[in-house]
N, C-alpha and C. Protein backbone atom coordinates (compact mmCIF):
# COMPACT_ATOMS: atom_id res chain seq x y z
N MET A 1 27.99 -21.02 -9.92
CA MET A 1 28.20 -19.66 -8.25
C MET A 1 26.96 -18.91 -8.50
N VAL A 2 26.38 -19.54 -6.64
CA VAL A 2 25.31 -19.19 -6.36
C VAL A 2 25.84 -17.79 -5.17
N THR A 3 24.62 -16.69 -5.62
CA THR A 3 24.35 -15.78 -4.47
C THR A 3 23.02 -15.13 -3.84
N GLN A 4 23.05 -14.23 -3.78
CA GLN A 4 22.28 -13.75 -2.44
C GLN A 4 21.42 -13.38 -3.34
N ARG A 5 20.35 -14.02 -3.46
CA ARG A 5 18.52 -12.75 -4.34
C ARG A 5 18.93 -13.15 -5.58
N GLN A 6 19.40 -14.09 -6.00
CA GLN A 6 19.25 -14.82 -7.63
C GLN A 6 18.48 -15.85 -7.99
N ARG A 7 17.97 -16.05 -8.77
CA ARG A 7 16.80 -17.19 -9.24
C ARG A 7 17.62 -17.87 -9.73
N ILE A 8 17.33 -19.80 -8.87
CA ILE A 8 18.03 -20.46 -9.77
C ILE A 8 17.00 -21.63 -9.74
N MET A 9 17.77 -22.53 -11.45
CA MET A 9 16.82 -23.92 -11.30
C MET A 9 17.27 -24.72 -10.47
N ILE A 10 15.95 -25.28 -9.71
CA ILE A 10 16.23 -26.43 -9.44
C ILE A 10 14.73 -27.84 -9.74
N SER A 11 15.55 -28.52 -10.70
CA SER A 11 14.92 -29.62 -10.94
C SER A 11 13.30 -28.60 -11.90
N ASP A 12 14.00 -28.36 -12.58
CA ASP A 12 13.56 -27.58 -13.81
C ASP A 12 12.41 -26.22 -12.90
N MET A 13 12.73 -26.08 -11.93
CA MET A 13 11.79 -24.99 -10.99
C MET A 13 12.43 -23.42 -10.82
N PRO A 14 11.63 -22.37 -11.01
CA PRO A 14 12.66 -21.42 -10.21
C PRO A 14 12.67 -21.10 -8.71
N PHE A 15 13.71 -20.87 -8.08
CA PHE A 15 13.78 -20.89 -6.96
C PHE A 15 14.24 -19.34 -7.01
N LEU A 16 13.92 -18.34 -5.66
CA LEU A 16 14.61 -17.25 -5.71
C LEU A 16 15.29 -17.12 -4.08
N ILE A 17 16.93 -17.20 -4.84
CA ILE A 17 17.29 -17.28 -3.20
C ILE A 17 17.81 -16.32 -1.82
N THR A 18 17.52 -16.43 -0.86
CA THR A 18 18.09 -15.23 0.46
C THR A 18 18.73 -15.89 1.23
N PRO A 19 19.40 -15.09 2.12
CA PRO A 19 20.63 -15.34 3.27
C PRO A 19 18.82 -16.15 4.04
N LEU A 20 19.38 -17.32 4.60
CA LEU A 20 18.57 -17.58 5.33
C LEU A 20 17.70 -17.11 6.44
N GLU A 21 18.33 -16.31 7.20
CA GLU A 21 17.88 -15.65 8.06
C GLU A 21 17.17 -14.08 7.60
N ASP A 22 16.84 -14.12 6.62
CA ASP A 22 16.34 -12.34 6.13
C ASP A 22 14.74 -13.09 5.28
N GLU A 23 15.02 -14.46 4.96
CA GLU A 23 13.41 -14.91 4.01
C GLU A 23 12.31 -14.45 5.59
N LYS A 24 11.22 -13.88 4.87
CA LYS A 24 9.92 -13.43 5.75
C LYS A 24 8.31 -14.45 5.33
N PHE A 25 8.52 -15.43 3.91
CA PHE A 25 7.84 -15.96 3.81
C PHE A 25 6.15 -14.73 3.26
N ASN A 26 6.29 -14.25 3.88
CA ASN A 26 4.69 -13.12 3.15
C ASN A 26 3.56 -14.23 2.88
N GLU A 27 3.04 -14.90 3.92
CA GLU A 27 2.39 -15.75 3.98
C GLU A 27 1.85 -15.94 2.51
N LYS A 28 3.19 -16.85 1.75
CA LYS A 28 2.71 -17.35 0.61
C LYS A 28 2.49 -18.90 1.22
N ASP A 29 2.66 -19.58 0.16
CA ASP A 29 2.44 -20.83 0.31
C ASP A 29 3.67 -21.60 -0.28
N VAL A 30 4.63 -22.39 -0.33
CA VAL A 30 5.69 -22.21 -0.52
C VAL A 30 6.08 -23.28 -0.16
N ILE A 31 7.32 -23.86 -1.87
CA ILE A 31 8.41 -24.98 -1.66
C ILE A 31 9.21 -24.58 -1.11
N TYR A 32 10.14 -24.34 -0.22
CA TYR A 32 11.73 -24.86 -0.29
C TYR A 32 12.81 -25.02 0.31
N ALA A 33 14.10 -24.69 -0.41
CA ALA A 33 15.34 -25.69 -0.25
C ALA A 33 16.16 -25.01 0.84
N VAL A 34 16.35 -25.51 1.29
CA VAL A 34 17.66 -25.13 2.34
C VAL A 34 19.51 -25.43 1.85
N LEU A 35 20.02 -24.35 1.56
CA LEU A 35 21.25 -24.69 1.17
C LEU A 35 22.21 -24.68 1.72
N CYS A 36 23.34 -25.13 2.05
CA CYS A 36 24.72 -24.50 2.17
C CYS A 36 25.45 -24.40 0.88
N LEU A 37 26.60 -22.80 1.43
CA LEU A 37 27.34 -21.79 0.39
C LEU A 37 28.29 -23.24 0.32
N GLN A 38 29.16 -23.23 0.03
CA GLN A 38 30.36 -23.64 0.67
C GLN A 38 31.77 -22.48 -0.34
N ASP A 39 32.84 -22.96 -0.01
CA ASP A 39 33.77 -21.93 -0.12
C ASP A 39 33.96 -21.10 -1.11
N ASN A 40 34.00 -22.02 -2.43
CA ASN A 40 33.28 -22.00 -3.89
C ASN A 40 32.45 -20.96 -4.71
N GLY A 41 31.53 -20.67 -3.84
CA GLY A 41 30.58 -20.83 -4.45
C GLY A 41 29.69 -21.23 -5.00
N ASP A 42 29.62 -22.66 -5.20
CA ASP A 42 28.40 -23.27 -5.46
C ASP A 42 27.81 -24.28 -4.10
N ALA A 43 26.87 -23.76 -4.65
CA ALA A 43 25.87 -24.11 -2.63
C ALA A 43 25.38 -25.81 -3.39
N TYR A 44 24.43 -26.41 -2.11
CA TYR A 44 24.70 -28.20 -1.98
C TYR A 44 22.53 -27.93 -0.98
N ILE A 45 21.78 -28.41 -1.51
CA ILE A 45 20.85 -28.55 -0.91
C ILE A 45 20.90 -29.95 -0.05
N ILE A 46 20.83 -28.95 1.13
CA ILE A 46 20.20 -29.81 2.51
C ILE A 46 19.36 -30.26 2.73
N ASP A 47 18.04 -28.99 2.52
CA ASP A 47 16.75 -30.22 3.28
C ASP A 47 15.97 -29.19 2.34
N LEU A 48 14.65 -29.51 2.25
CA LEU A 48 13.55 -29.29 1.49
C LEU A 48 12.16 -29.44 2.52
N GLY A 49 11.36 -28.71 1.74
CA GLY A 49 9.92 -28.53 2.39
C GLY A 49 8.65 -27.79 2.01
N GLN A 50 8.06 -27.28 3.10
CA GLN A 50 6.72 -26.71 2.48
C GLN A 50 6.31 -25.46 3.49
N SER A 51 5.73 -24.27 3.28
CA SER A 51 5.11 -23.59 4.54
C SER A 51 3.68 -24.62 4.01
N SER A 52 2.71 -24.43 5.44
CA SER A 52 2.33 -24.22 5.77
C SER A 52 0.65 -23.57 3.91
N GLU A 53 0.24 -24.40 4.75
CA GLU A 53 -0.93 -23.64 3.29
C GLU A 53 -1.43 -22.03 3.53
N LYS A 54 -1.52 -21.95 4.60
CA LYS A 54 -2.30 -20.19 4.98
C LYS A 54 -0.33 -19.35 5.21
N GLY A 55 1.28 -20.24 4.89
CA GLY A 55 1.37 -19.01 4.50
C GLY A 55 2.48 -18.89 6.28
N GLY A 56 3.41 -18.43 6.34
CA GLY A 56 4.17 -18.17 7.12
C GLY A 56 5.61 -19.59 6.96
N PRO A 57 6.55 -19.19 8.44
CA PRO A 57 7.97 -19.63 8.69
C PRO A 57 7.68 -21.05 8.08
N PRO A 58 8.03 -21.59 7.38
CA PRO A 58 8.12 -23.52 7.41
C PRO A 58 9.22 -23.47 8.79
N PHE A 59 10.12 -22.77 9.96
CA PHE A 59 10.84 -23.55 10.40
C PHE A 59 11.33 -23.78 11.93
N ALA A 60 10.14 -23.97 12.41
CA ALA A 60 10.15 -23.57 13.57
C ALA A 60 10.11 -25.23 14.50
N GLU A 61 10.59 -26.62 13.32
CA GLU A 61 11.12 -27.44 14.58
C GLU A 61 12.91 -27.08 14.65
N GLU A 62 13.42 -26.64 16.10
CA GLU A 62 14.34 -26.79 16.16
C GLU A 62 15.33 -27.50 15.66
N ARG A 63 14.76 -29.03 15.72
CA ARG A 63 15.44 -30.23 15.34
C ARG A 63 16.17 -30.31 13.85
N ARG A 64 15.32 -29.70 13.38
CA ARG A 64 16.15 -29.12 11.86
C ARG A 64 16.91 -28.10 11.78
N ARG A 65 16.38 -27.03 12.48
CA ARG A 65 17.74 -26.11 12.38
C ARG A 65 18.82 -26.67 12.50
N GLU A 66 19.05 -28.16 13.73
CA GLU A 66 20.43 -27.92 14.33
C GLU A 66 21.18 -29.15 12.93
N CYS A 67 19.98 -29.80 12.40
CA CYS A 67 20.31 -30.44 11.03
C CYS A 67 21.12 -29.62 9.95
N TRP A 68 20.64 -28.25 9.80
CA TRP A 68 21.66 -27.66 8.23
C TRP A 68 22.31 -26.79 9.73
N LEU A 69 22.94 -26.98 10.44
CA LEU A 69 24.29 -26.23 11.17
C LEU A 69 25.37 -27.63 11.45
N LYS A 70 24.20 -28.89 11.49
CA LYS A 70 25.90 -29.89 10.86
C LYS A 70 25.87 -29.76 10.16
N TYR A 71 25.47 -29.83 9.18
CA TYR A 71 25.12 -30.31 7.86
C TYR A 71 25.69 -29.03 6.91
N ALA A 72 25.91 -27.76 7.34
CA ALA A 72 26.79 -26.19 7.14
C ALA A 72 27.86 -26.24 7.53
N ASN A 73 28.48 -27.19 8.58
CA ASN A 73 29.84 -26.83 9.39
C ASN A 73 30.28 -25.70 9.28
N GLY A 74 29.59 -24.92 9.87
CA GLY A 74 29.77 -23.02 9.96
C GLY A 74 29.72 -22.34 8.71
N ARG A 75 29.31 -22.35 7.83
CA ARG A 75 28.90 -21.62 6.10
C ARG A 75 27.93 -21.08 5.97
N GLN A 76 27.98 -20.31 5.23
CA GLN A 76 26.47 -19.52 5.38
C GLN A 76 25.17 -20.45 4.72
N LEU A 77 23.97 -20.10 5.34
CA LEU A 77 22.91 -21.08 4.98
C LEU A 77 22.31 -19.94 4.43
N LEU A 78 21.58 -20.48 2.70
CA LEU A 78 20.43 -20.05 1.62
C LEU A 78 19.19 -20.05 2.37
N VAL A 79 18.11 -19.81 0.98
CA VAL A 79 16.91 -19.97 1.55
C VAL A 79 16.75 -20.15 -0.08
N GLY A 80 16.00 -21.23 -0.65
CA GLY A 80 15.77 -20.92 -2.55
C GLY A 80 13.78 -21.29 -1.95
N VAL A 81 12.98 -20.34 -2.33
CA VAL A 81 11.90 -20.51 -2.83
C VAL A 81 11.21 -19.90 -3.52
N HIS A 82 10.45 -21.38 -4.42
CA HIS A 82 9.52 -21.88 -4.85
C HIS A 82 7.71 -21.36 -4.44
N ARG A 83 7.28 -20.46 -5.44
CA ARG A 83 6.13 -20.28 -5.30
C ARG A 83 5.33 -21.19 -7.07
N PRO A 84 4.28 -22.30 -6.54
CA PRO A 84 3.94 -22.51 -7.47
C PRO A 84 2.72 -22.22 -8.39
N ALA A 85 2.73 -22.00 -9.05
CA ALA A 85 1.72 -20.95 -9.94
C ALA A 85 -0.02 -22.03 -9.47
N SER A 86 -0.73 -20.69 -9.89
CA SER A 86 -1.82 -21.22 -7.79
C SER A 86 -2.27 -22.83 -8.57
N ASP A 87 -3.03 -23.09 -10.04
CA ASP A 87 -2.98 -23.93 -10.36
C ASP A 87 -2.37 -25.66 -10.24
N PHE A 88 -1.28 -25.00 -9.44
CA PHE A 88 -0.72 -26.31 -8.96
C PHE A 88 0.10 -26.70 -7.94
N ASN A 89 -0.73 -25.17 -6.44
CA ASN A 89 -0.35 -25.16 -5.26
C ASN A 89 -0.84 -25.41 -4.64
N MET A 90 -2.07 -26.81 -5.04
CA MET A 90 -2.46 -27.29 -3.68
C MET A 90 -1.43 -28.05 -3.13
N ALA A 91 -1.31 -27.71 -1.43
CA ALA A 91 -0.50 -29.58 -0.76
C ALA A 91 0.49 -30.51 -1.70
N GLN A 92 -0.52 -31.45 -1.86
CA GLN A 92 -0.13 -32.59 -2.92
C GLN A 92 0.89 -32.30 -3.98
N ASP A 93 0.47 -31.06 -4.13
CA ASP A 93 1.33 -30.91 -5.61
C ASP A 93 2.62 -30.28 -5.50
N ARG A 94 3.17 -29.41 -4.03
CA ARG A 94 3.21 -29.09 -3.59
C ARG A 94 4.51 -30.46 -2.83
N ILE A 95 3.63 -31.20 -2.79
CA ILE A 95 4.75 -32.82 -2.53
C ILE A 95 5.21 -33.36 -2.69
N ALA A 96 4.21 -32.81 -4.43
CA ALA A 96 5.15 -33.97 -5.52
C ALA A 96 5.80 -33.19 -6.44
N MET A 97 6.40 -32.22 -5.88
CA MET A 97 7.20 -31.59 -6.97
C MET A 97 8.43 -31.34 -6.17
N ILE A 98 8.22 -31.40 -4.18
CA ILE A 98 9.26 -32.03 -3.38
C ILE A 98 9.76 -33.39 -3.33
N ASP A 99 9.34 -34.72 -3.58
CA ASP A 99 9.69 -35.94 -3.95
C ASP A 99 10.55 -35.46 -5.50
N THR A 100 10.45 -34.98 -5.99
CA THR A 100 10.98 -35.25 -7.95
C THR A 100 12.44 -34.13 -7.75
N ILE A 101 12.69 -33.22 -6.58
CA ILE A 101 13.78 -32.60 -6.33
C ILE A 101 14.65 -33.56 -4.97
N ARG A 102 13.55 -34.41 -4.86
CA ARG A 102 14.56 -35.29 -3.11
C ARG A 102 15.29 -36.05 -4.55
N ARG A 103 13.83 -36.68 -4.97
CA ARG A 103 15.11 -37.83 -5.74
C ARG A 103 16.06 -37.66 -6.04
N GLU A 104 15.62 -36.24 -7.18
CA GLU A 104 17.73 -36.03 -7.75
C GLU A 104 18.84 -35.17 -7.06
N PHE A 105 17.93 -35.12 -5.70
CA PHE A 105 19.26 -34.12 -4.98
C PHE A 105 19.12 -34.98 -3.61
N SER A 106 18.54 -35.93 -2.71
CA SER A 106 19.40 -35.98 -2.37
C SER A 106 18.86 -35.50 -0.17
N PRO A 107 18.63 -34.32 -0.72
CA PRO A 107 19.21 -33.57 0.82
C PRO A 107 18.98 -34.65 2.11
N PRO A 108 20.53 -34.27 2.67
CA PRO A 108 20.25 -35.68 3.98
C PRO A 108 19.18 -34.27 5.59
N CYS A 109 18.84 -33.84 5.48
CA CYS A 109 18.42 -33.42 6.34
C CYS A 109 17.18 -33.63 5.95
N GLU A 110 15.94 -34.00 4.66
CA GLU A 110 14.66 -33.71 4.22
C GLU A 110 15.03 -35.16 4.68
N LEU A 111 15.23 -36.25 4.36
CA LEU A 111 15.85 -37.39 4.30
C LEU A 111 15.71 -37.75 5.88
N GLU A 112 17.22 -37.04 6.91
CA GLU A 112 16.74 -37.90 8.07
C GLU A 112 15.61 -37.11 8.36
N PHE A 113 14.93 -36.74 8.72
CA PHE A 113 13.13 -35.99 9.07
C PHE A 113 12.08 -36.41 8.29
N SER A 114 11.89 -37.45 7.33
CA SER A 114 10.97 -37.63 6.88
C SER A 114 10.29 -39.01 6.77
N ASP A 115 9.19 -38.07 6.64
CA ASP A 115 8.06 -39.96 6.92
C ASP A 115 8.17 -40.67 6.41
N ARG A 116 8.31 -40.13 5.13
CA ARG A 116 8.57 -41.20 3.52
C ARG A 116 9.46 -42.01 3.71
N ALA A 117 10.66 -41.83 3.69
CA ALA A 117 12.33 -42.14 4.06
C ALA A 117 12.72 -42.98 4.32
């Protein structure tokens, strides 16, 4: 069962879970996973990505948000944020981490908008 303000492991990486609308990102370079909270308390990953290297909200693209809403189907959206250790926080490191999660979970929105799909 996933709850807000909980730390969960995704592909052996810790992610802090918050409601999507509450996440501020605070100028951090992070990997994010958008999750849909199901009625039974479980969550599934519907999108992955990374903030810009200067930090800040990564959710500027309206088409992605529309995809989240489509797959959420009225359920609550959460975001999990993982900030890699400084020695693994270059853009190429974050891309490799995202690819690992992508292979394990196949998030529908990430696959829909990925240039690597």
